[in-house]
Amino acid sequence: MRLIIVRHGESEWNRIHRYQGQLDAALSELGMRQAAALAERLKSEKIDQIYSSRLQRAARTAEAIAAFHPNTPFAYSEALLEINHGEWEGKYADEITSKYADGLREWREHPTRSQMPGGESFSNVLKRTLDFREQITATHMDQTVLISTHDVVVKILVADALGMNMDRINRIWVTNASISVIEYGNDLPYLVSLSEACHLGTLASTREGQKAL
């Protein structure tokens, strides 16, 4: 199976540095332009199935791609949701830094043992992501599948393919509306590309310009 993983375009809350998690922030104007550029980049790809998170920033990104693939089956999956940030959701990056400094440091450096107050455990998002990966590799063995999802899910899939320690996932940067590709077969999985964003040009979001994921 060839897995094309896209991160959603910039959301309005990405733009203003506000933590969103599973809150349903819309795409920003830039995010809509990023999604359009991503869709244009993928319009000639052979895609057998599209899956998306139901959160509108991912769903609108997936729908832009699907417009060029009208006969491709499209489905939503709860497994593709962003991690639930609990009490952090809706707060600005500066608030998190001042009020939850220790928890934020642990999340960045040791996500596998962190627990955002009232949020989802890393073990839960890891399980649902890898369960989903196992399901689609079995169902779409010789096909190309595209998923539209969020930062943490992309990082887990990449780290899993590389056999990385999951505590290192926050050393991976995934650009909004970027493409990462993993190929699964009878041998080892292969990371073919990571956070490809050439199609975005000057529309690309920078790491320095995005404080809240």
N, C-alpha and C. Protein backbone atom coordinates (compact mmCIF):
# COMPACT_ATOMS: atom_id res chain seq x y z
N MET A 1 0.84 -1.20 0.00
CA MET A 1 0.00 0.00 0.00
C MET A 1 0.87 1.25 0.00
N ARG A 2 0.48 2.19 -0.81
CA ARG A 2 1.14 3.50 -0.82
C ARG A 2 0.24 4.47 -0.05
N LEU A 3 0.78 5.06 0.99
CA LEU A 3 0.00 5.95 1.86
C LEU A 3 0.47 7.38 1.66
N ILE A 4 -0.42 8.22 1.16
CA ILE A 4 -0.15 9.65 1.02
C ILE A 4 -0.80 10.34 2.23
N ILE A 5 0.03 10.96 3.04
CA ILE A 5 -0.45 11.61 4.27
C ILE A 5 -0.36 13.11 4.08
N VAL A 6 -1.48 13.81 4.22
CA VAL A 6 -1.43 15.27 4.15
C VAL A 6 -1.86 15.85 5.49
N ARG A 7 -1.15 16.89 5.90
CA ARG A 7 -1.60 17.67 7.05
C ARG A 7 -2.50 18.77 6.51
N HIS A 8 -3.52 19.11 7.26
CA HIS A 8 -4.48 20.13 6.83
C HIS A 8 -3.79 21.48 6.58
N GLY A 9 -4.44 22.32 5.80
CA GLY A 9 -3.97 23.69 5.60
C GLY A 9 -4.02 24.47 6.89
N GLU A 10 -3.37 25.62 6.88
CA GLU A 10 -3.34 26.46 8.08
C GLU A 10 -4.76 26.78 8.56
N SER A 11 -5.00 26.58 9.84
CA SER A 11 -6.30 26.94 10.41
C SER A 11 -6.24 28.37 10.94
N GLU A 12 -7.40 28.92 11.21
CA GLU A 12 -7.45 30.27 11.78
C GLU A 12 -6.74 30.30 13.13
N TRP A 13 -6.84 29.19 13.89
CA TRP A 13 -6.19 29.15 15.21
C TRP A 13 -4.69 28.89 15.09
N ASN A 14 -4.24 28.17 14.06
CA ASN A 14 -2.80 28.12 13.79
C ASN A 14 -2.27 29.54 13.59
N ARG A 15 -3.03 30.32 12.84
CA ARG A 15 -2.60 31.67 12.48
C ARG A 15 -2.43 32.56 13.70
N ILE A 16 -3.33 32.42 14.69
CA ILE A 16 -3.29 33.31 15.86
C ILE A 16 -2.65 32.63 17.07
N HIS A 17 -2.01 31.48 16.85
CA HIS A 17 -1.25 30.78 17.90
C HIS A 17 -2.16 30.34 19.06
N ARG A 18 -3.26 29.69 18.72
CA ARG A 18 -4.23 29.22 19.70
C ARG A 18 -4.34 27.70 19.60
N TYR A 19 -4.20 27.00 20.72
CA TYR A 19 -4.25 25.54 20.71
C TYR A 19 -5.67 25.08 20.39
N GLN A 20 -5.78 24.11 19.47
CA GLN A 20 -7.10 23.69 19.01
C GLN A 20 -7.42 22.24 19.35
N GLY A 21 -6.47 21.32 19.21
CA GLY A 21 -6.77 19.93 19.52
C GLY A 21 -7.96 19.45 18.74
N GLN A 22 -9.01 19.03 19.45
CA GLN A 22 -10.21 18.53 18.78
C GLN A 22 -11.31 19.59 18.66
N LEU A 23 -11.01 20.84 19.02
CA LEU A 23 -11.94 21.92 18.72
C LEU A 23 -11.90 22.21 17.23
N ASP A 24 -13.03 22.64 16.68
CA ASP A 24 -13.20 22.61 15.22
C ASP A 24 -12.89 23.95 14.56
N ALA A 25 -11.63 24.36 14.61
CA ALA A 25 -11.21 25.62 14.00
C ALA A 25 -11.25 25.50 12.47
N ALA A 26 -11.70 26.57 11.83
CA ALA A 26 -11.80 26.60 10.37
C ALA A 26 -10.45 26.90 9.73
N LEU A 27 -10.32 26.61 8.45
CA LEU A 27 -9.15 27.02 7.70
C LEU A 27 -9.10 28.55 7.62
N SER A 28 -7.90 29.09 7.71
CA SER A 28 -7.70 30.51 7.46
C SER A 28 -7.77 30.77 5.96
N GLU A 29 -7.73 32.03 5.58
CA GLU A 29 -7.69 32.35 4.15
C GLU A 29 -6.45 31.74 3.51
N LEU A 30 -5.31 31.84 4.21
CA LEU A 30 -4.08 31.21 3.70
C LEU A 30 -4.26 29.70 3.62
N GLY A 31 -4.89 29.12 4.63
CA GLY A 31 -5.11 27.67 4.65
C GLY A 31 -5.93 27.20 3.47
N MET A 32 -6.93 27.98 3.07
CA MET A 32 -7.75 27.61 1.91
C MET A 32 -6.91 27.66 0.63
N ARG A 33 -6.03 28.64 0.55
CA ARG A 33 -5.14 28.73 -0.62
C ARG A 33 -4.13 27.58 -0.62
N GLN A 34 -3.65 27.22 0.57
CA GLN A 34 -2.75 26.07 0.67
C GLN A 34 -3.44 24.79 0.23
N ALA A 35 -4.70 24.61 0.68
CA ALA A 35 -5.45 23.40 0.31
C ALA A 35 -5.66 23.33 -1.20
N ALA A 36 -5.92 24.48 -1.81
CA ALA A 36 -6.11 24.53 -3.27
C ALA A 36 -4.81 24.16 -3.99
N ALA A 37 -3.69 24.66 -3.50
CA ALA A 37 -2.40 24.34 -4.12
C ALA A 37 -2.05 22.86 -3.94
N LEU A 38 -2.38 22.33 -2.78
CA LEU A 38 -2.16 20.90 -2.51
C LEU A 38 -3.02 20.04 -3.45
N ALA A 39 -4.28 20.42 -3.60
CA ALA A 39 -5.17 19.68 -4.47
C ALA A 39 -4.67 19.70 -5.91
N GLU A 40 -4.18 20.84 -6.36
CA GLU A 40 -3.63 20.96 -7.71
C GLU A 40 -2.42 20.04 -7.87
N ARG A 41 -1.58 19.99 -6.85
CA ARG A 41 -0.38 19.13 -6.88
C ARG A 41 -0.75 17.65 -7.01
N LEU A 42 -1.88 17.26 -6.38
CA LEU A 42 -2.26 15.84 -6.33
C LEU A 42 -3.29 15.43 -7.38
N LYS A 43 -3.67 16.36 -8.25
CA LYS A 43 -4.79 16.07 -9.14
C LYS A 43 -4.51 14.93 -10.12
N SER A 44 -3.24 14.70 -10.44
CA SER A 44 -2.91 13.63 -11.40
C SER A 44 -2.52 12.33 -10.72
N GLU A 45 -2.49 12.33 -9.39
CA GLU A 45 -2.16 11.11 -8.65
C GLU A 45 -3.29 10.08 -8.77
N LYS A 46 -2.93 8.82 -8.85
CA LYS A 46 -3.92 7.75 -8.78
C LYS A 46 -4.22 7.51 -7.30
N ILE A 47 -5.44 7.76 -6.89
CA ILE A 47 -5.83 7.59 -5.49
C ILE A 47 -7.05 6.67 -5.44
N ASP A 48 -6.94 5.59 -4.68
CA ASP A 48 -8.01 4.59 -4.62
C ASP A 48 -8.99 4.83 -3.47
N GLN A 49 -8.55 5.55 -2.44
CA GLN A 49 -9.41 5.79 -1.28
C GLN A 49 -8.92 7.04 -0.56
N ILE A 50 -9.85 7.86 -0.10
CA ILE A 50 -9.53 9.03 0.71
C ILE A 50 -10.19 8.86 2.08
N TYR A 51 -9.41 9.06 3.13
CA TYR A 51 -9.92 9.10 4.50
C TYR A 51 -9.56 10.45 5.10
N SER A 52 -10.44 10.97 5.95
CA SER A 52 -10.16 12.27 6.57
C SER A 52 -10.67 12.31 8.00
N SER A 53 -10.00 13.09 8.81
CA SER A 53 -10.56 13.53 10.09
C SER A 53 -11.81 14.33 9.79
N ARG A 54 -12.79 14.27 10.67
CA ARG A 54 -14.02 15.04 10.46
C ARG A 54 -13.86 16.52 10.81
N LEU A 55 -12.81 16.90 11.53
CA LEU A 55 -12.61 18.31 11.88
C LEU A 55 -12.42 19.11 10.60
N GLN A 56 -13.08 20.27 10.53
CA GLN A 56 -13.22 20.94 9.24
C GLN A 56 -11.90 21.37 8.62
N ARG A 57 -10.88 21.64 9.42
CA ARG A 57 -9.61 22.03 8.81
C ARG A 57 -9.02 20.89 7.98
N ALA A 58 -9.20 19.65 8.44
CA ALA A 58 -8.75 18.49 7.67
C ALA A 58 -9.77 18.12 6.59
N ALA A 59 -11.06 18.20 6.94
CA ALA A 59 -12.11 17.81 5.99
C ALA A 59 -12.13 18.71 4.76
N ARG A 60 -11.99 20.05 4.98
CA ARG A 60 -12.00 20.96 3.83
C ARG A 60 -10.76 20.73 2.95
N THR A 61 -9.64 20.39 3.59
CA THR A 61 -8.43 20.08 2.82
C THR A 61 -8.66 18.83 1.98
N ALA A 62 -9.25 17.80 2.59
CA ALA A 62 -9.53 16.55 1.86
C ALA A 62 -10.53 16.78 0.73
N GLU A 63 -11.53 17.61 0.99
CA GLU A 63 -12.55 17.88 -0.02
C GLU A 63 -11.97 18.60 -1.23
N ALA A 64 -11.00 19.48 -1.00
CA ALA A 64 -10.34 20.16 -2.13
C ALA A 64 -9.63 19.14 -3.01
N ILE A 65 -8.99 18.17 -2.39
CA ILE A 65 -8.30 17.10 -3.14
C ILE A 65 -9.33 16.22 -3.85
N ALA A 66 -10.39 15.87 -3.14
CA ALA A 66 -11.41 14.96 -3.69
C ALA A 66 -12.12 15.56 -4.90
N ALA A 67 -12.16 16.88 -4.98
CA ALA A 67 -12.82 17.53 -6.12
C ALA A 67 -12.16 17.12 -7.44
N PHE A 68 -10.87 16.79 -7.42
CA PHE A 68 -10.17 16.33 -8.62
C PHE A 68 -10.27 14.81 -8.79
N HIS A 69 -10.88 14.14 -7.81
CA HIS A 69 -11.00 12.67 -7.83
C HIS A 69 -12.45 12.29 -7.48
N PRO A 70 -13.40 12.70 -8.30
CA PRO A 70 -14.82 12.54 -7.95
C PRO A 70 -15.29 11.10 -7.82
N ASN A 71 -14.57 10.16 -8.39
CA ASN A 71 -14.98 8.76 -8.32
C ASN A 71 -14.26 7.97 -7.23
N THR A 72 -13.43 8.66 -6.47
CA THR A 72 -12.68 7.99 -5.41
C THR A 72 -13.50 7.95 -4.12
N PRO A 73 -13.67 6.78 -3.51
CA PRO A 73 -14.42 6.69 -2.25
C PRO A 73 -13.80 7.60 -1.17
N PHE A 74 -14.68 8.21 -0.38
CA PHE A 74 -14.27 9.19 0.64
C PHE A 74 -14.96 8.82 1.94
N ALA A 75 -14.20 8.74 3.02
CA ALA A 75 -14.79 8.38 4.32
C ALA A 75 -14.09 9.15 5.44
N TYR A 76 -14.81 9.36 6.53
CA TYR A 76 -14.24 10.00 7.72
C TYR A 76 -13.85 8.92 8.73
N SER A 77 -12.82 9.20 9.50
CA SER A 77 -12.39 8.26 10.54
C SER A 77 -12.05 9.03 11.81
N GLU A 78 -12.64 8.58 12.92
CA GLU A 78 -12.33 9.19 14.22
C GLU A 78 -10.87 8.94 14.61
N ALA A 79 -10.27 7.91 14.05
CA ALA A 79 -8.86 7.60 14.36
C ALA A 79 -7.93 8.71 13.91
N LEU A 80 -8.38 9.53 12.95
CA LEU A 80 -7.52 10.55 12.36
C LEU A 80 -7.65 11.91 13.04
N LEU A 81 -8.42 11.99 14.13
CA LEU A 81 -8.54 13.24 14.87
C LEU A 81 -7.20 13.63 15.50
N GLU A 82 -7.02 14.93 15.71
CA GLU A 82 -5.87 15.40 16.47
C GLU A 82 -5.99 14.92 17.91
N ILE A 83 -4.88 14.88 18.63
CA ILE A 83 -4.93 14.55 20.05
C ILE A 83 -5.77 15.59 20.78
N ASN A 84 -6.57 15.13 21.74
CA ASN A 84 -7.38 16.04 22.55
C ASN A 84 -6.48 16.73 23.57
N HIS A 85 -6.40 18.06 23.47
CA HIS A 85 -5.50 18.82 24.34
C HIS A 85 -6.09 19.15 25.71
N GLY A 86 -7.34 18.73 25.97
CA GLY A 86 -7.93 18.97 27.28
C GLY A 86 -8.01 20.46 27.60
N GLU A 87 -7.50 20.84 28.78
CA GLU A 87 -7.59 22.23 29.24
C GLU A 87 -6.82 23.20 28.35
N TRP A 88 -5.89 22.69 27.55
CA TRP A 88 -5.12 23.59 26.68
C TRP A 88 -5.94 24.09 25.51
N GLU A 89 -6.99 23.37 25.14
CA GLU A 89 -7.76 23.72 23.95
C GLU A 89 -8.42 25.09 24.12
N GLY A 90 -8.25 25.93 23.12
CA GLY A 90 -8.81 27.28 23.14
C GLY A 90 -7.90 28.31 23.76
N LYS A 91 -6.81 27.88 24.35
CA LYS A 91 -5.88 28.83 24.98
C LYS A 91 -4.76 29.20 23.99
N TYR A 92 -4.25 30.40 24.18
CA TYR A 92 -3.17 30.88 23.32
C TYR A 92 -1.84 30.32 23.79
N ALA A 93 -0.88 30.27 22.86
CA ALA A 93 0.43 29.68 23.16
C ALA A 93 1.09 30.34 24.36
N ASP A 94 0.97 31.67 24.47
CA ASP A 94 1.59 32.37 25.60
C ASP A 94 0.94 31.97 26.93
N GLU A 95 -0.37 31.70 26.93
CA GLU A 95 -1.05 31.24 28.14
C GLU A 95 -0.54 29.87 28.56
N ILE A 96 -0.38 28.98 27.59
CA ILE A 96 0.11 27.63 27.88
C ILE A 96 1.53 27.70 28.44
N THR A 97 2.36 28.55 27.82
CA THR A 97 3.75 28.69 28.26
C THR A 97 3.83 29.17 29.70
N SER A 98 2.96 30.11 30.08
CA SER A 98 3.02 30.66 31.43
C SER A 98 2.33 29.79 32.48
N LYS A 99 1.20 29.18 32.11
CA LYS A 99 0.41 28.45 33.10
C LYS A 99 0.76 26.97 33.18
N TYR A 100 1.21 26.39 32.08
CA TYR A 100 1.46 24.94 32.02
C TYR A 100 2.90 24.66 31.55
N ALA A 101 3.85 25.47 32.02
CA ALA A 101 5.23 25.38 31.52
C ALA A 101 5.82 23.98 31.67
N ASP A 102 5.64 23.37 32.83
CA ASP A 102 6.22 22.03 33.05
C ASP A 102 5.56 20.99 32.16
N GLY A 103 4.23 21.06 32.05
CA GLY A 103 3.51 20.12 31.20
C GLY A 103 3.85 20.28 29.73
N LEU A 104 4.05 21.53 29.30
CA LEU A 104 4.41 21.79 27.92
C LEU A 104 5.79 21.24 27.62
N ARG A 105 6.72 21.43 28.56
CA ARG A 105 8.08 20.91 28.37
C ARG A 105 8.06 19.38 28.29
N GLU A 106 7.26 18.75 29.17
CA GLU A 106 7.18 17.29 29.13
C GLU A 106 6.57 16.82 27.81
N TRP A 107 5.52 17.50 27.33
CA TRP A 107 4.90 17.12 26.07
C TRP A 107 5.90 17.21 24.92
N ARG A 108 6.72 18.24 24.91
CA ARG A 108 7.67 18.42 23.82
C ARG A 108 8.82 17.42 23.90
N GLU A 109 9.27 17.12 25.12
CA GLU A 109 10.47 16.30 25.27
C GLU A 109 10.18 14.83 25.52
N HIS A 110 9.07 14.54 26.20
CA HIS A 110 8.72 13.15 26.53
C HIS A 110 7.21 12.93 26.35
N PRO A 111 6.71 13.03 25.11
CA PRO A 111 5.26 12.94 24.91
C PRO A 111 4.65 11.63 25.38
N THR A 112 5.42 10.54 25.37
CA THR A 112 4.83 9.24 25.73
C THR A 112 4.44 9.17 27.20
N ARG A 113 5.00 10.01 28.04
CA ARG A 113 4.65 9.97 29.45
C ARG A 113 3.89 11.22 29.90
N SER A 114 3.55 12.08 28.94
CA SER A 114 2.85 13.32 29.30
C SER A 114 1.34 13.10 29.30
N GLN A 115 0.65 13.96 30.03
CA GLN A 115 -0.81 13.93 30.05
C GLN A 115 -1.30 15.35 30.18
N MET A 116 -1.85 15.89 29.11
CA MET A 116 -2.42 17.23 29.18
C MET A 116 -3.63 17.19 30.11
N PRO A 117 -3.79 18.17 30.99
CA PRO A 117 -4.89 18.15 31.96
C PRO A 117 -6.25 18.00 31.27
N GLY A 118 -6.96 16.93 31.62
CA GLY A 118 -8.27 16.68 31.03
C GLY A 118 -8.22 16.23 29.59
N GLY A 119 -7.03 15.94 29.07
CA GLY A 119 -6.89 15.59 27.66
C GLY A 119 -6.69 14.11 27.44
N GLU A 120 -6.31 13.79 26.21
CA GLU A 120 -6.14 12.41 25.78
C GLU A 120 -4.71 11.95 26.05
N SER A 121 -4.56 10.75 26.51
CA SER A 121 -3.21 10.22 26.73
C SER A 121 -2.53 9.94 25.39
N PHE A 122 -1.21 10.02 25.39
CA PHE A 122 -0.47 9.70 24.17
C PHE A 122 -0.71 8.25 23.78
N SER A 123 -0.79 7.36 24.77
CA SER A 123 -0.99 5.94 24.46
C SER A 123 -2.28 5.72 23.70
N ASN A 124 -3.30 6.53 23.98
CA ASN A 124 -4.57 6.37 23.29
C ASN A 124 -4.47 6.82 21.83
N VAL A 125 -3.88 7.99 21.61
CA VAL A 125 -3.75 8.45 20.22
C VAL A 125 -2.80 7.55 19.44
N LEU A 126 -1.78 7.03 20.10
CA LEU A 126 -0.87 6.07 19.45
C LEU A 126 -1.63 4.82 19.03
N LYS A 127 -2.44 4.28 19.93
CA LYS A 127 -3.19 3.05 19.64
C LYS A 127 -4.17 3.26 18.49
N ARG A 128 -4.94 4.34 18.54
CA ARG A 128 -5.94 4.52 17.47
C ARG A 128 -5.28 4.78 16.12
N THR A 129 -4.14 5.45 16.14
CA THR A 129 -3.43 5.71 14.88
C THR A 129 -2.87 4.43 14.29
N LEU A 130 -2.22 3.62 15.11
CA LEU A 130 -1.61 2.39 14.60
C LEU A 130 -2.66 1.32 14.29
N ASP A 131 -3.75 1.30 15.04
CA ASP A 131 -4.86 0.39 14.70
C ASP A 131 -5.42 0.75 13.31
N PHE A 132 -5.55 2.05 13.06
CA PHE A 132 -6.05 2.50 11.75
C PHE A 132 -5.07 2.11 10.64
N ARG A 133 -3.78 2.30 10.90
CA ARG A 133 -2.77 1.93 9.91
C ARG A 133 -2.82 0.43 9.60
N GLU A 134 -2.98 -0.39 10.63
CA GLU A 134 -3.07 -1.84 10.40
C GLU A 134 -4.32 -2.19 9.60
N GLN A 135 -5.41 -1.52 9.89
CA GLN A 135 -6.67 -1.79 9.19
C GLN A 135 -6.56 -1.45 7.71
N ILE A 136 -6.02 -0.26 7.39
CA ILE A 136 -5.99 0.13 5.98
C ILE A 136 -4.92 -0.62 5.19
N THR A 137 -3.83 -1.01 5.84
CA THR A 137 -2.83 -1.80 5.09
C THR A 137 -3.38 -3.17 4.73
N ALA A 138 -4.28 -3.69 5.56
CA ALA A 138 -4.92 -4.97 5.24
C ALA A 138 -6.01 -4.82 4.18
N THR A 139 -6.75 -3.72 4.27
CA THR A 139 -7.89 -3.50 3.37
C THR A 139 -7.47 -3.03 1.99
N HIS A 140 -6.41 -2.23 1.93
CA HIS A 140 -5.99 -1.59 0.67
C HIS A 140 -4.58 -2.03 0.29
N MET A 141 -4.35 -3.31 0.35
CA MET A 141 -2.99 -3.87 0.23
C MET A 141 -2.21 -3.36 -0.98
N ASP A 142 -2.80 -3.34 -2.15
CA ASP A 142 -2.09 -2.95 -3.37
C ASP A 142 -2.62 -1.64 -3.94
N GLN A 143 -3.10 -0.78 -3.07
CA GLN A 143 -3.72 0.46 -3.52
C GLN A 143 -2.98 1.69 -2.97
N THR A 144 -3.40 2.84 -3.46
CA THR A 144 -2.91 4.12 -2.94
C THR A 144 -4.02 4.77 -2.13
N VAL A 145 -3.71 5.06 -0.89
CA VAL A 145 -4.67 5.66 0.04
C VAL A 145 -4.17 7.04 0.44
N LEU A 146 -5.06 8.00 0.45
CA LEU A 146 -4.72 9.34 0.95
C LEU A 146 -5.47 9.61 2.23
N ILE A 147 -4.76 10.13 3.23
CA ILE A 147 -5.42 10.55 4.47
C ILE A 147 -5.13 12.02 4.72
N SER A 148 -6.16 12.73 5.19
CA SER A 148 -6.03 14.13 5.57
C SER A 148 -6.21 14.20 7.08
N THR A 149 -5.16 14.64 7.77
CA THR A 149 -5.17 14.52 9.22
C THR A 149 -4.38 15.66 9.87
N HIS A 150 -3.87 15.40 11.06
CA HIS A 150 -3.31 16.45 11.91
C HIS A 150 -1.87 16.15 12.32
N ASP A 151 -1.24 17.14 12.91
CA ASP A 151 0.18 17.10 13.24
C ASP A 151 0.60 15.83 13.97
N VAL A 152 -0.03 15.51 15.09
CA VAL A 152 0.42 14.39 15.91
C VAL A 152 0.24 13.06 15.19
N VAL A 153 -0.86 12.90 14.48
CA VAL A 153 -1.10 11.64 13.75
C VAL A 153 -0.04 11.45 12.66
N VAL A 154 0.27 12.52 11.93
CA VAL A 154 1.31 12.42 10.89
C VAL A 154 2.63 11.99 11.52
N LYS A 155 3.00 12.64 12.62
CA LYS A 155 4.28 12.34 13.28
C LYS A 155 4.35 10.89 13.77
N ILE A 156 3.25 10.39 14.30
CA ILE A 156 3.22 8.99 14.77
C ILE A 156 3.43 8.03 13.61
N LEU A 157 2.74 8.26 12.51
CA LEU A 157 2.88 7.37 11.35
C LEU A 157 4.30 7.39 10.80
N VAL A 158 4.91 8.57 10.75
CA VAL A 158 6.29 8.68 10.26
C VAL A 158 7.25 7.98 11.21
N ALA A 159 7.09 8.25 12.52
CA ALA A 159 7.98 7.64 13.51
C ALA A 159 7.84 6.12 13.52
N ASP A 160 6.61 5.63 13.37
CA ASP A 160 6.37 4.19 13.32
C ASP A 160 7.07 3.56 12.11
N ALA A 161 6.97 4.21 10.96
CA ALA A 161 7.61 3.67 9.75
C ALA A 161 9.12 3.62 9.89
N LEU A 162 9.68 4.60 10.59
CA LEU A 162 11.14 4.67 10.75
C LEU A 162 11.65 3.87 11.95
N GLY A 163 10.73 3.34 12.76
CA GLY A 163 11.15 2.65 13.97
C GLY A 163 11.73 3.58 15.01
N MET A 164 11.27 4.84 15.00
CA MET A 164 11.79 5.84 15.93
C MET A 164 11.21 5.66 17.33
N ASN A 165 11.95 6.10 18.31
CA ASN A 165 11.43 6.26 19.66
C ASN A 165 10.33 7.33 19.61
N MET A 166 9.14 7.01 20.09
CA MET A 166 8.02 7.95 20.02
C MET A 166 8.26 9.22 20.84
N ASP A 167 9.20 9.20 21.76
CA ASP A 167 9.54 10.42 22.49
C ASP A 167 10.28 11.43 21.61
N ARG A 168 10.61 11.04 20.39
CA ARG A 168 11.32 11.95 19.49
C ARG A 168 10.41 12.58 18.44
N ILE A 169 9.11 12.35 18.53
CA ILE A 169 8.23 12.81 17.43
C ILE A 169 8.20 14.32 17.27
N ASN A 170 8.41 15.05 18.36
CA ASN A 170 8.35 16.51 18.24
C ASN A 170 9.62 17.11 17.66
N ARG A 171 10.55 16.25 17.24
CA ARG A 171 11.69 16.71 16.46
C ARG A 171 11.39 16.69 14.96
N ILE A 172 10.19 16.23 14.62
CA ILE A 172 9.74 16.21 13.23
C ILE A 172 8.88 17.45 13.00
N TRP A 173 9.17 18.19 11.94
CA TRP A 173 8.31 19.32 11.58
C TRP A 173 7.46 18.93 10.37
N VAL A 174 6.15 19.14 10.49
CA VAL A 174 5.22 18.83 9.41
C VAL A 174 4.51 20.13 9.02
N THR A 175 4.78 20.59 7.82
CA THR A 175 4.21 21.85 7.33
C THR A 175 2.73 21.69 7.00
N ASN A 176 1.95 22.74 7.22
CA ASN A 176 0.55 22.73 6.80
C ASN A 176 0.46 22.45 5.30
N ALA A 177 -0.51 21.62 4.92
CA ALA A 177 -0.78 21.27 3.52
C ALA A 177 0.41 20.63 2.83
N SER A 178 1.24 19.93 3.63
CA SER A 178 2.38 19.20 3.06
C SER A 178 2.00 17.74 2.82
N ILE A 179 2.88 17.07 2.08
CA ILE A 179 2.68 15.67 1.72
C ILE A 179 3.82 14.83 2.29
N SER A 180 3.46 13.74 2.96
CA SER A 180 4.43 12.72 3.37
C SER A 180 3.93 11.40 2.79
N VAL A 181 4.86 10.57 2.32
CA VAL A 181 4.47 9.32 1.68
C VAL A 181 5.21 8.16 2.32
N ILE A 182 4.45 7.12 2.68
CA ILE A 182 5.02 5.87 3.21
C ILE A 182 4.52 4.73 2.34
N GLU A 183 5.44 3.83 1.99
CA GLU A 183 5.07 2.64 1.22
C GLU A 183 5.19 1.41 2.11
N TYR A 184 4.11 0.63 2.15
CA TYR A 184 4.05 -0.60 2.95
C TYR A 184 3.94 -1.80 2.01
N GLY A 185 4.76 -2.81 2.29
CA GLY A 185 4.69 -4.03 1.50
C GLY A 185 5.01 -5.22 2.37
N ASN A 186 5.54 -6.25 1.78
CA ASN A 186 5.90 -7.44 2.55
C ASN A 186 7.21 -7.27 3.30
N ASP A 187 7.96 -6.25 2.92
CA ASP A 187 9.24 -5.96 3.55
C ASP A 187 9.03 -4.83 4.56
N LEU A 188 10.08 -4.12 4.88
CA LEU A 188 9.99 -2.98 5.78
C LEU A 188 9.18 -1.86 5.15
N PRO A 189 8.52 -1.02 5.97
CA PRO A 189 7.91 0.18 5.40
C PRO A 189 9.00 1.17 5.00
N TYR A 190 8.73 1.98 3.99
CA TYR A 190 9.71 2.95 3.51
C TYR A 190 9.10 4.35 3.53
N LEU A 191 9.79 5.28 4.18
CA LEU A 191 9.39 6.68 4.13
C LEU A 191 9.95 7.27 2.84
N VAL A 192 9.06 7.57 1.92
CA VAL A 192 9.47 8.04 0.59
C VAL A 192 9.66 9.55 0.58
N SER A 193 8.79 10.26 1.29
CA SER A 193 8.95 11.71 1.39
C SER A 193 8.37 12.19 2.71
N LEU A 194 8.88 13.32 3.18
CA LEU A 194 8.44 13.87 4.47
C LEU A 194 8.18 15.36 4.32
N SER A 195 6.97 15.77 4.63
CA SER A 195 6.60 17.20 4.67
C SER A 195 6.98 17.93 3.38
N GLU A 196 6.73 17.27 2.25
CA GLU A 196 6.99 17.91 0.95
C GLU A 196 6.04 19.08 0.76
N ALA A 197 6.59 20.25 0.44
CA ALA A 197 5.76 21.45 0.33
C ALA A 197 6.17 22.33 -0.85
N CYS A 198 6.83 21.76 -1.84
CA CYS A 198 7.28 22.56 -2.99
C CYS A 198 6.09 23.22 -3.71
N HIS A 199 4.95 22.54 -3.69
CA HIS A 199 3.76 23.06 -4.36
C HIS A 199 3.22 24.33 -3.72
N LEU A 200 3.65 24.62 -2.49
CA LEU A 200 3.12 25.78 -1.77
C LEU A 200 3.88 27.06 -2.09
N GLY A 201 5.16 26.94 -2.44
CA GLY A 201 5.94 28.15 -2.71
C GLY A 201 5.89 29.11 -1.54
N THR A 202 5.54 30.34 -1.82
CA THR A 202 5.49 31.36 -0.75
C THR A 202 4.30 31.19 0.18
N LEU A 203 3.42 30.25 -0.09
CA LEU A 203 2.27 29.99 0.79
C LEU A 203 2.64 29.12 1.99
N ALA A 204 3.84 28.56 1.99
CA ALA A 204 4.22 27.60 3.04
C ALA A 204 4.27 28.26 4.41
N SER A 205 3.75 27.56 5.42
CA SER A 205 3.83 28.02 6.80
C SER A 205 5.22 27.68 7.34
N THR A 206 5.80 28.60 8.08
CA THR A 206 7.13 28.36 8.65
C THR A 206 7.02 27.84 10.08
N ARG A 207 8.02 27.09 10.48
CA ARG A 207 8.04 26.57 11.85
C ARG A 207 8.08 27.71 12.86
N GLU A 208 8.86 28.73 12.58
CA GLU A 208 8.98 29.86 13.50
C GLU A 208 7.68 30.64 13.63
N GLY A 209 6.84 30.57 12.59
CA GLY A 209 5.60 31.34 12.60
C GLY A 209 4.40 30.60 13.16
N GLN A 210 4.61 29.41 13.71
CA GLN A 210 3.48 28.63 14.21
C GLN A 210 3.79 28.11 15.62
N LYS A 211 3.25 28.79 16.61
CA LYS A 211 3.57 28.47 18.01
C LYS A 211 2.61 27.45 18.61
N ALA A 212 1.41 27.33 18.05
CA ALA A 212 0.42 26.40 18.59
C ALA A 212 -0.03 25.48 17.48
N LEU A 213 0.12 24.17 17.68
CA LEU A 213 -0.24 23.19 16.66
C LEU A 213 -1.63 22.63 16.89
